């Protein structure tokens, strides 16, 4: 009789634990990045009343007789299922669509979370504003004037230089595209096709680069090009150009309108690969402007062409700029934070790192929607988003809790009934004991 009492007690105690887990799930239904828990039960040890026996020639086999002694909690699982994404519009709010956890640092200790409600602190560090933990990733390094992110380097705090400056950069390349009108009949010198583009010196000052295209008389496929910077002759050569040197060269096309070669004033010819002239112009108060004038690829319809169509040849782009201030930044699906400067320049500033685990269910909850590594979770595999099985990062959104209220309320009903049924086991056993006690009357 005492066995049923203790079985009922174990049932009530463990259903109470299940109710505690359900209550925590419901309490966190609106907690960003929360992962719900689930309780699994299993029966406790069974007392053997008689063992099993094998069949004999006279009788068949006999099954064992056992009485169960209650139940216990087998596991309390954390279900790391994807939660829905809620749009916030705040650029520092990020969510992971797929596998992966953001990495936070508190001193030397690492934490992992799916809650990406981040912000920038006074020093420009990307942090969780609720506890000050710093988001981990890779900060860009400046190499030869370009920002590069090395994801093979050690993790560090992510710093966003709010109102930071980007220094001016002198133009190093100018690219030309489109078409010269083959129908042009070599008008007087200086009355051909003219195109201009703004370029920059080492101080960020703007200068005007002008090219004058004049068809060579008595030819169909050759054009002379004059190079001027701020109206002054700029040296142009296939070799080392000198400021004040010859500022003309010739472009040569084939019968299909493809650019095939360049010839400078010294008679040097370039007829293979990328066709570019070296230009040098003296700039008062700044370094000389030395850049490449890229006109296309030999034998291909890339860059400048010659066809019986209107003049469209123009400078498509150049890579110089003046000084600018960081006005905004964006976070893409790879976690790359790109700064947008007042001068139109965009530079990679940093990249957010993600971690995955062999057994995410083995992570320990550490409060504040954070997890820490346990003996059964495995070590963190750290890499950028969209690599090594990791999901993509969605900026301007937060991952909602994966708690389903309908499921929780149904589990609540089942748990309540289980608790009540076990209490009835205890009261019924008590009544039976009472009957035994009254036998002596």
Protein backbone atom coordinates (compact mmCIF):
# COMPACT_ATOMS: atom_id res chain seq x y z
CA UNK A 1 0.00 0.00 0.00
CA UNK A 2 2.84 2.38 0.75
CA UNK A 3 4.21 2.01 -2.80
CA UNK A 4 1.21 3.71 -4.39
CA UNK A 5 1.54 6.62 -1.98
CA UNK A 6 5.12 7.29 -2.98
CA UNK A 7 4.34 6.74 -6.66
CA UNK A 8 1.67 9.41 -6.37
CA UNK A 9 4.09 11.73 -4.59
CA UNK A 10 6.69 11.33 -7.39
CA UNK A 11 3.98 12.00 -9.98
CA UNK A 12 2.86 15.19 -8.25
CA UNK A 13 6.42 16.46 -7.73
CA UNK A 14 7.48 15.90 -11.31
CA UNK A 15 4.29 17.29 -12.82
CA UNK A 16 4.96 20.36 -10.71
CA UNK A 17 8.42 20.61 -12.38
CA UNK A 18 6.75 20.33 -15.76
CA UNK A 19 4.37 23.10 -14.79
CA UNK A 20 7.35 25.23 -13.73
CA UNK A 21 8.88 24.81 -17.20
CA UNK A 22 5.58 25.62 -18.92
CA UNK A 23 5.16 28.69 -16.72
CA UNK A 24 8.64 29.88 -17.70
CA UNK A 25 7.82 29.35 -21.37
CA UNK A 26 4.63 31.39 -21.09
CA UNK A 27 6.40 34.12 -19.11
CA UNK A 28 8.95 34.47 -21.95
CA UNK A 29 6.47 34.39 -24.83
CA UNK A 30 7.58 37.91 -25.82
CA UNK A 31 11.29 37.59 -24.94
CA UNK A 32 13.41 38.08 -28.06
CA UNK A 33 15.66 35.12 -28.84
CA UNK A 34 14.12 32.93 -26.09
CA UNK A 35 14.17 29.16 -26.67
CA UNK A 36 11.40 27.15 -25.03
CA UNK A 37 11.92 24.21 -22.70
CA UNK A 38 10.29 20.78 -22.77
CA UNK A 39 10.05 18.17 -20.00
CA UNK A 40 10.25 14.44 -20.74
CA UNK A 41 9.24 11.84 -18.15
CA UNK A 42 10.33 8.25 -17.63
CA UNK A 43 9.32 5.57 -15.14
CA UNK A 44 11.36 4.96 -12.03
CA UNK A 45 12.78 1.62 -10.92
CA UNK A 46 10.35 -1.33 -10.70
CA UNK A 47 10.26 -3.81 -7.82
CA UNK A 48 10.50 -7.43 -8.86
CA UNK A 49 7.83 -9.65 -7.31
CA UNK A 50 8.80 -12.73 -9.30
CA UNK A 51 11.15 -13.27 -12.15
CA UNK A 52 10.52 -14.69 -15.58
CA UNK A 53 10.93 -18.41 -16.33
CA UNK A 54 11.65 -20.11 -19.60
CA UNK A 55 9.35 -22.75 -21.15
CA UNK A 56 9.82 -26.39 -20.20
CA UNK A 57 8.56 -29.65 -21.67
CA UNK A 58 5.56 -29.53 -19.34
CA UNK A 59 4.59 -25.82 -19.28
CA UNK A 60 5.23 -22.64 -21.17
CA UNK A 61 7.25 -19.64 -20.06
CA UNK A 62 6.15 -17.21 -17.33
CA UNK A 63 6.55 -13.47 -17.55
CA UNK A 64 8.09 -11.44 -14.70
CA UNK A 65 5.90 -9.71 -12.15
CA UNK A 66 7.01 -6.14 -11.39
CA UNK A 67 5.51 -3.19 -9.59
CA UNK A 68 6.58 0.30 -10.67
CA UNK A 69 7.73 2.72 -7.97
CA UNK A 70 6.80 5.99 -9.62
CA UNK A 71 8.30 8.31 -12.23
CA UNK A 72 10.95 10.95 -12.64
CA UNK A 73 12.04 13.74 -14.97
CA UNK A 74 14.15 12.23 -17.76
CA UNK A 75 15.23 15.46 -19.47
CA UNK A 76 14.42 19.14 -19.61
CA UNK A 77 15.28 19.97 -23.21
CA UNK A 78 15.90 23.40 -24.67
CA UNK A 79 14.42 23.43 -28.17
CA UNK A 80 16.59 25.63 -30.39
CA UNK A 81 14.00 26.03 -33.11
CA UNK A 82 13.82 29.07 -35.38
CA UNK A 83 11.59 31.85 -34.07
CA UNK A 84 9.67 34.27 -36.26
CA UNK A 85 11.38 37.51 -37.27
CA UNK A 86 9.91 40.81 -36.11
CA UNK A 87 10.70 43.91 -38.15
CA UNK A 88 11.93 46.83 -36.06
CA UNK A 89 13.60 49.08 -38.63
CA UNK A 90 16.51 49.77 -36.28
CA UNK A 91 19.75 49.09 -38.15
CA UNK A 92 21.60 47.69 -35.11
CA UNK A 93 18.85 45.13 -34.47
CA UNK A 94 19.95 41.88 -36.10
CA UNK A 95 18.54 38.37 -36.24
CA UNK A 96 19.89 35.06 -37.49
CA UNK A 97 17.79 33.20 -40.04
CA UNK A 98 19.11 29.68 -39.72
CA UNK A 99 21.84 28.22 -37.53
CA UNK A 100 24.20 30.30 -35.44
CA UNK A 101 24.55 32.42 -32.30
CA UNK A 102 25.92 35.90 -31.75
CA UNK A 103 29.02 35.95 -29.56
CA UNK A 104 29.19 38.34 -26.59
CA UNK A 105 32.13 39.01 -24.31
CA UNK A 106 32.07 39.99 -20.64
CA UNK A 107 35.74 40.35 -19.77
CA UNK A 108 37.31 37.05 -20.80
CA UNK A 109 34.12 35.00 -20.67
CA UNK A 110 32.15 34.26 -23.83
CA UNK A 111 28.37 34.09 -24.06
CA UNK A 112 26.16 33.08 -26.96
CA UNK A 113 22.73 34.45 -27.79
CA UNK A 114 20.04 34.65 -30.46
CA UNK A 115 18.79 38.00 -29.14
CA UNK A 116 20.31 40.64 -31.40
CA UNK A 117 18.97 43.86 -29.83
CA UNK A 118 22.33 45.64 -30.06
CA UNK A 119 23.37 49.28 -29.97
CA UNK A 120 26.48 51.46 -30.13
CA UNK A 121 27.88 52.76 -26.84
CA UNK A 122 29.72 56.02 -26.12
CA UNK A 123 32.99 54.67 -27.51
CA UNK A 124 31.41 53.37 -30.71
CA UNK A 125 31.52 49.72 -29.59
CA UNK A 126 28.65 47.46 -30.65
CA UNK A 127 27.15 46.11 -27.41
CA UNK A 128 24.08 44.59 -25.83
CA UNK A 129 22.73 47.75 -24.13
CA UNK A 130 20.96 45.69 -21.44
CA UNK A 131 24.18 44.41 -19.87
CA UNK A 132 27.05 46.07 -21.74
CA UNK A 133 28.40 42.81 -23.18
CA UNK A 134 30.39 43.47 -26.34
CA UNK A 135 29.50 41.88 -29.66
CA UNK A 136 32.38 39.94 -31.19
CA UNK A 137 33.61 39.91 -34.76
CA UNK A 138 36.40 41.18 -36.98
CA UNK A 139 37.33 44.85 -37.48
CA UNK A 140 38.57 45.90 -40.92
CA UNK A 141 42.25 46.70 -41.42
CA UNK A 142 43.46 49.37 -43.83
CA UNK A 143 45.84 47.87 -46.41
CA UNK A 144 47.11 50.08 -49.24
CA UNK A 145 44.29 52.52 -48.69
CA UNK A 146 41.59 49.81 -48.79
CA UNK A 147 39.65 48.35 -45.87
CA UNK A 148 39.89 44.57 -45.67
CA UNK A 149 38.33 42.14 -43.20
CA UNK A 150 40.42 39.13 -42.20
CA UNK A 151 38.03 36.49 -40.84
CA UNK A 152 40.99 34.21 -40.07
CA UNK A 153 42.16 36.64 -37.38
CA UNK A 154 41.23 36.42 -33.70
CA UNK A 155 37.85 37.74 -32.62
CA UNK A 156 37.62 41.17 -31.07
CA UNK A 157 35.18 43.90 -30.11
CA UNK A 158 33.38 45.52 -33.02
CA UNK A 159 33.97 49.25 -33.21
CA UNK A 160 31.98 51.60 -35.45
CA UNK A 161 33.73 54.98 -35.83
CA UNK A 162 30.67 57.20 -35.61
CA UNK A 163 31.49 60.59 -37.21
CA UNK A 164 34.88 59.19 -38.16
CA UNK A 165 36.69 60.56 -41.20
CA UNK A 166 37.95 58.97 -44.37
CA UNK A 167 41.01 60.71 -45.75
CA UNK A 168 41.03 62.02 -49.34
CA UNK A 169 42.36 59.75 -52.03
CA UNK A 170 43.97 60.87 -55.26
CA UNK A 171 42.53 59.39 -58.43
CA UNK A 172 44.49 56.35 -59.55
CA UNK A 173 42.24 54.98 -62.28
CA UNK A 174 39.75 56.47 -64.73
CA UNK A 175 37.56 54.12 -66.78
CA UNK A 176 35.95 55.02 -70.11
CA UNK A 177 33.05 53.27 -71.82
CA UNK A 178 30.67 53.49 -74.79
CA UNK A 179 31.12 54.67 -78.37
CA UNK A 180 32.84 56.98 -80.89
CA UNK A 181 30.74 57.75 -83.98
CA UNK A 182 32.44 56.07 -86.95
CA UNK A 183 30.52 58.34 -89.33
CA UNK A 184 32.48 61.38 -88.12
CA UNK A 185 34.42 62.77 -91.06
CA UNK A 186 37.46 64.28 -89.31
CA UNK A 187 36.28 67.85 -88.56
CA UNK A 188 38.89 70.58 -87.96
CA UNK A 189 41.24 69.92 -85.06
CA UNK A 190 39.63 70.69 -81.72
CA UNK A 191 36.07 70.31 -82.99
CA UNK A 192 35.73 66.58 -82.43
CA UNK A 193 34.13 64.79 -79.51
CA UNK A 194 34.97 66.11 -76.01
CA UNK A 195 34.22 64.42 -72.69
CA UNK A 196 35.02 65.47 -69.11
CA UNK A 197 35.07 63.88 -65.66
CA UNK A 198 36.03 65.18 -62.22
CA UNK A 199 39.15 63.71 -60.61
CA UNK A 200 40.82 64.33 -57.23
CA UNK A 201 44.33 65.15 -56.04
CA UNK A 202 46.04 64.03 -52.80
CA UNK A 203 44.36 66.84 -50.81
CA UNK A 204 40.89 66.05 -52.07
CA UNK A 205 40.70 69.03 -54.45
CA UNK A 206 38.55 68.51 -57.54
CA UNK A 207 40.07 68.84 -61.02
CA UNK A 208 38.58 68.44 -64.47
CA UNK A 209 39.98 65.78 -66.77
CA UNK A 210 39.10 66.45 -70.41
CA UNK A 211 39.68 64.21 -73.40
CA UNK A 212 39.35 65.54 -76.95
CA UNK A 213 38.75 62.83 -79.58
CA UNK A 214 39.59 63.84 -83.17
CA UNK A 215 39.40 61.42 -86.05
CA UNK A 216 42.70 61.08 -87.93
CA UNK A 217 42.28 62.51 -91.47
CA UNK A 218 42.07 60.01 -94.33
CA UNK A 219 41.53 57.08 -91.95
CA UNK A 220 38.46 55.19 -90.86
CA UNK A 221 39.60 53.55 -87.65
CA UNK A 222 42.02 55.89 -85.90
CA UNK A 223 41.44 58.73 -83.46
CA UNK A 224 43.83 61.17 -81.87
CA UNK A 225 43.18 61.84 -78.18
CA UNK A 226 44.31 64.97 -76.34
CA UNK A 227 44.54 64.82 -72.52
CA UNK A 228 43.98 68.01 -70.49
CA UNK A 229 43.69 68.55 -66.73
CA UNK A 230 42.12 71.88 -65.75
CA UNK A 231 42.71 72.99 -69.34
CA UNK A 232 46.45 72.30 -69.17
CA UNK A 233 48.31 69.60 -71.08
CA UNK A 234 48.87 66.43 -69.02
CA UNK A 235 51.63 64.01 -69.97
CA UNK A 236 50.28 60.75 -71.45
CA UNK A 237 52.50 57.78 -72.28
CA UNK A 238 52.52 54.00 -72.38
CA UNK A 239 55.68 54.20 -70.29
CA UNK A 240 56.42 56.53 -67.37
CA UNK A 241 54.49 59.69 -68.13
CA UNK A 242 55.99 63.07 -67.27
CA UNK A 243 54.04 66.18 -66.35
CA UNK A 244 54.29 68.64 -69.20
CA UNK A 245 55.30 65.92 -71.66
CA UNK A 246 53.41 64.95 -74.84
CA UNK A 247 49.70 64.87 -74.06
CA UNK A 248 48.34 63.09 -77.12
CA UNK A 249 47.99 59.47 -78.19
CA UNK A 250 46.12 57.45 -80.81
CA UNK A 251 43.39 54.84 -80.39
CA UNK A 252 43.09 52.21 -83.13
CA UNK A 253 39.99 50.13 -83.96
CA UNK A 254 39.44 47.12 -86.21
CA UNK A 255 36.81 46.88 -88.93
CA UNK A 256 34.22 45.64 -86.43
CA UNK A 257 34.62 48.63 -84.15
CA UNK A 258 36.65 46.92 -81.46
CA UNK A 259 39.53 48.76 -79.79
CA UNK A 260 42.72 46.88 -80.69
CA UNK A 261 45.67 49.10 -79.73
CA UNK A 262 47.03 52.37 -78.38
CA UNK A 263 49.97 54.35 -79.72
CA UNK A 264 51.60 57.14 -77.71
CA UNK A 265 53.42 60.22 -79.06
CA UNK A 266 56.78 58.42 -78.87
CA UNK A 267 55.53 55.67 -81.19
CA UNK A 268 55.16 53.00 -78.48
CA UNK A 269 52.31 50.58 -79.21
CA UNK A 270 50.18 48.45 -76.88
CA UNK A 271 48.01 45.85 -78.61
CA UNK A 272 47.23 43.16 -76.04
CA UNK A 273 45.30 42.85 -72.78
CA UNK A 274 44.01 45.88 -70.96
CA UNK A 275 44.66 49.06 -72.90
CA UNK A 276 45.55 52.00 -70.65
CA UNK A 277 47.61 55.16 -70.81
CA UNK A 278 49.68 56.51 -67.92
CA UNK A 279 48.85 60.16 -67.22
CA UNK A 280 50.82 62.66 -65.13
CA UNK A 281 49.70 66.20 -64.30
CA UNK A 282 51.43 68.75 -62.04
CA UNK A 283 49.11 70.09 -59.29
CA UNK A 284 50.14 73.22 -57.32
CA UNK A 285 50.34 72.51 -53.57
CA UNK A 286 49.62 68.77 -53.91
CA UNK A 287 51.31 65.62 -55.13
CA UNK A 288 51.39 65.22 -58.92
CA UNK A 289 48.29 63.51 -60.27
CA UNK A 290 49.45 60.17 -61.63
CA UNK A 291 46.74 57.80 -62.83
CA UNK A 292 45.84 55.22 -65.48
CA UNK A 293 43.43 56.07 -68.28
CA UNK A 294 41.64 52.74 -68.88
CA UNK A 295 40.02 52.57 -72.33
CA UNK A 296 39.16 48.89 -72.69
CA UNK A 297 40.51 45.46 -73.56
CA UNK A 298 42.16 44.68 -76.87
CA UNK A 299 39.90 42.93 -79.37
CA UNK A 300 36.79 43.07 -77.16
CA UNK A 301 33.68 45.21 -77.00
CA UNK A 302 34.69 46.44 -73.56
CA UNK A 303 35.38 50.10 -72.93
CA UNK A 304 35.57 52.43 -75.92
CA UNK A 305 34.17 51.18 -79.24
CA UNK A 306 33.69 52.67 -82.72
CA UNK A 307 30.38 52.13 -84.47
CA UNK A 308 28.03 54.09 -86.72
CA UNK A 309 26.06 55.47 -83.82
CA UNK A 310 25.98 58.64 -81.76
CA UNK A 311 28.88 59.73 -79.54
CA UNK A 312 28.41 58.29 -76.04
CA UNK A 313 32.00 57.91 -74.91
CA UNK A 314 32.40 59.29 -71.40
CA UNK A 315 34.22 58.71 -68.17
CA UNK A 316 32.26 55.95 -66.46
CA UNK A 317 34.01 56.08 -63.11
CA UNK A 318 37.13 57.10 -61.24
CA UNK A 319 38.41 55.93 -57.86
CA UNK A 320 39.41 59.22 -56.18
CA UNK A 321 37.43 61.16 -53.58
CA UNK A 322 37.66 64.06 -51.16
CA UNK A 323 37.53 63.81 -47.36
CA UNK A 324 34.27 62.52 -45.90
CA UNK A 325 32.56 61.84 -42.58
CA UNK A 326 30.76 58.66 -41.56
CA UNK A 327 27.06 59.44 -41.89
CA UNK A 328 25.47 56.03 -41.74
CA UNK A 329 26.23 52.32 -41.78
CA UNK A 330 24.52 49.18 -43.02
CA UNK A 331 24.66 45.50 -42.06
CA UNK A 332 24.28 42.92 -44.84
CA UNK A 333 23.30 39.24 -44.70
CA UNK A 334 26.94 38.22 -44.19
CA UNK A 335 27.17 40.42 -41.11
CA UNK A 336 29.46 42.92 -42.86
CA UNK A 337 29.05 46.44 -41.48
CA UNK A 338 29.58 48.96 -44.28
CA UNK A 339 30.10 52.64 -43.52
CA UNK A 340 28.51 55.28 -45.75
CA UNK A 341 30.49 58.54 -45.85
CA UNK A 342 29.43 62.05 -46.79
CA UNK A 343 31.59 61.96 -49.92
CA UNK A 344 29.72 58.92 -51.26
CA UNK A 345 32.43 56.43 -50.32
CA UNK A 346 31.37 53.09 -48.84
CA UNK A 347 33.86 51.15 -46.73
CA UNK A 348 33.71 47.87 -44.88
CA UNK A 349 34.14 48.59 -41.18
CA UNK A 350 33.71 45.22 -39.48
CA UNK A 351 31.94 41.86 -39.67
CA UNK A 352 29.80 40.14 -37.04
CA UNK A 353 30.87 36.59 -36.16
CA UNK A 354 28.53 33.65 -35.56
CA UNK A 355 29.09 30.44 -33.59
CA UNK A 356 27.56 27.00 -34.07
CA UNK A 357 27.75 23.88 -31.90
CA UNK A 358 27.69 20.16 -32.51
CA UNK A 359 24.95 19.82 -29.86
CA UNK A 360 23.11 23.13 -29.28
CA UNK A 361 20.79 21.33 -26.86
CA UNK A 362 23.78 20.86 -24.56
CA UNK A 363 24.26 24.60 -24.03
CA UNK A 364 23.56 25.91 -20.54
CA UNK A 365 21.25 28.85 -20.01
CA UNK A 366 23.12 31.67 -18.28
CA UNK A 367 20.33 34.21 -17.91
CA UNK A 368 19.68 37.38 -19.90
CA UNK A 369 18.82 35.15 -22.91
CA UNK A 370 22.44 33.97 -23.04
CA UNK A 371 23.96 30.52 -23.26
CA UNK A 372 27.38 29.19 -22.24
CA UNK A 373 29.32 26.14 -23.36
CA UNK A 374 28.84 22.94 -21.35
CA UNK A 375 30.61 19.58 -21.32
CA UNK A 376 28.08 18.20 -23.81
CA UNK A 377 27.56 21.10 -26.19
CA UNK A 378 30.89 20.86 -27.93
CA UNK A 379 33.18 23.79 -28.62
CA UNK A 380 32.04 26.80 -30.63
CA UNK A 381 32.70 26.75 -34.39
CA UNK A 382 33.22 30.42 -35.24
CA UNK A 383 32.98 31.83 -38.77
CA UNK A 384 31.05 34.48 -40.73
CA UNK A 385 27.35 34.14 -41.52
CA UNK A 386 26.33 32.04 -44.57
CA UNK A 387 29.45 29.87 -44.22
CA UNK A 388 29.95 26.41 -42.67
CA UNK A 389 26.21 25.80 -42.34
CA UNK A 390 25.46 29.08 -40.61
CA UNK A 391 22.37 31.11 -41.43
CA UNK A 392 22.23 34.64 -42.76
CA UNK A 393 21.94 37.82 -40.73
CA UNK A 394 18.87 40.02 -41.24
CA UNK A 395 19.32 43.64 -40.20
CA UNK A 396 16.44 45.68 -38.82
CA UNK A 397 14.74 42.64 -37.32
CA UNK A 398 14.72 40.66 -34.07
CA UNK A 399 14.02 36.96 -33.57
CA UNK A 400 10.91 36.40 -31.48
CA UNK A 401 10.46 33.70 -28.86
CA UNK A 402 9.72 30.26 -30.31
CA UNK A 403 7.04 29.62 -27.66
CA UNK A 404 3.68 28.55 -29.12
CA UNK A 405 0.97 29.60 -26.65
CA UNK A 406 -1.57 27.12 -28.02
CA UNK A 407 0.85 24.26 -27.43
CA UNK A 408 1.73 25.56 -23.96
CA UNK A 409 -1.91 25.85 -22.89
CA UNK A 410 -2.65 22.30 -24.05
CA UNK A 411 0.44 21.06 -22.15
CA UNK A 412 -0.79 23.04 -19.16
CA UNK A 413 -4.12 21.22 -19.21
CA UNK A 414 -2.46 17.83 -19.56
CA UNK A 415 -0.03 18.65 -16.75
CA UNK A 416 -2.82 19.85 -14.46
CA UNK A 417 -4.80 16.65 -15.06
CA UNK A 418 -1.71 14.55 -14.44
CA UNK A 419 -1.12 16.38 -11.17
CA UNK A 420 -4.77 15.88 -10.14
CA UNK A 421 -4.71 12.19 -11.06
CA UNK A 422 -1.61 11.61 -8.92
CA UNK A 423 -3.24 13.43 -6.01
CA UNK A 424 -6.22 11.04 -6.37
CA UNK A 425 -3.79 8.12 -6.14
CA UNK A 426 -2.63 9.43 -2.78
CA UNK A 427 -6.14 10.11 -1.40
CA UNK A 428 -7.41 6.72 -2.60
CA UNK A 429 -4.45 4.93 -1.03
CA UNK A 430 -5.12 6.85 2.18
CA UNK A 431 -8.75 5.68 2.16
CA UNK A 432 -7.63 2.10 1.71
CA UNK A 433 -5.26 2.45 4.67
CA UNK A 434 -8.16 3.87 6.66
CA UNK A 435 -10.24 0.79 5.86
CA UNK A 436 -7.41 -1.40 7.14
CA UNK A 437 -7.25 0.57 10.36
CA UNK A 438 -10.99 0.12 10.94
CA UNK A 439 -10.83 -3.68 10.66
CA UNK A 440 -10.12 -3.96 14.40
CA UNK A 441 -13.32 -2.21 15.48
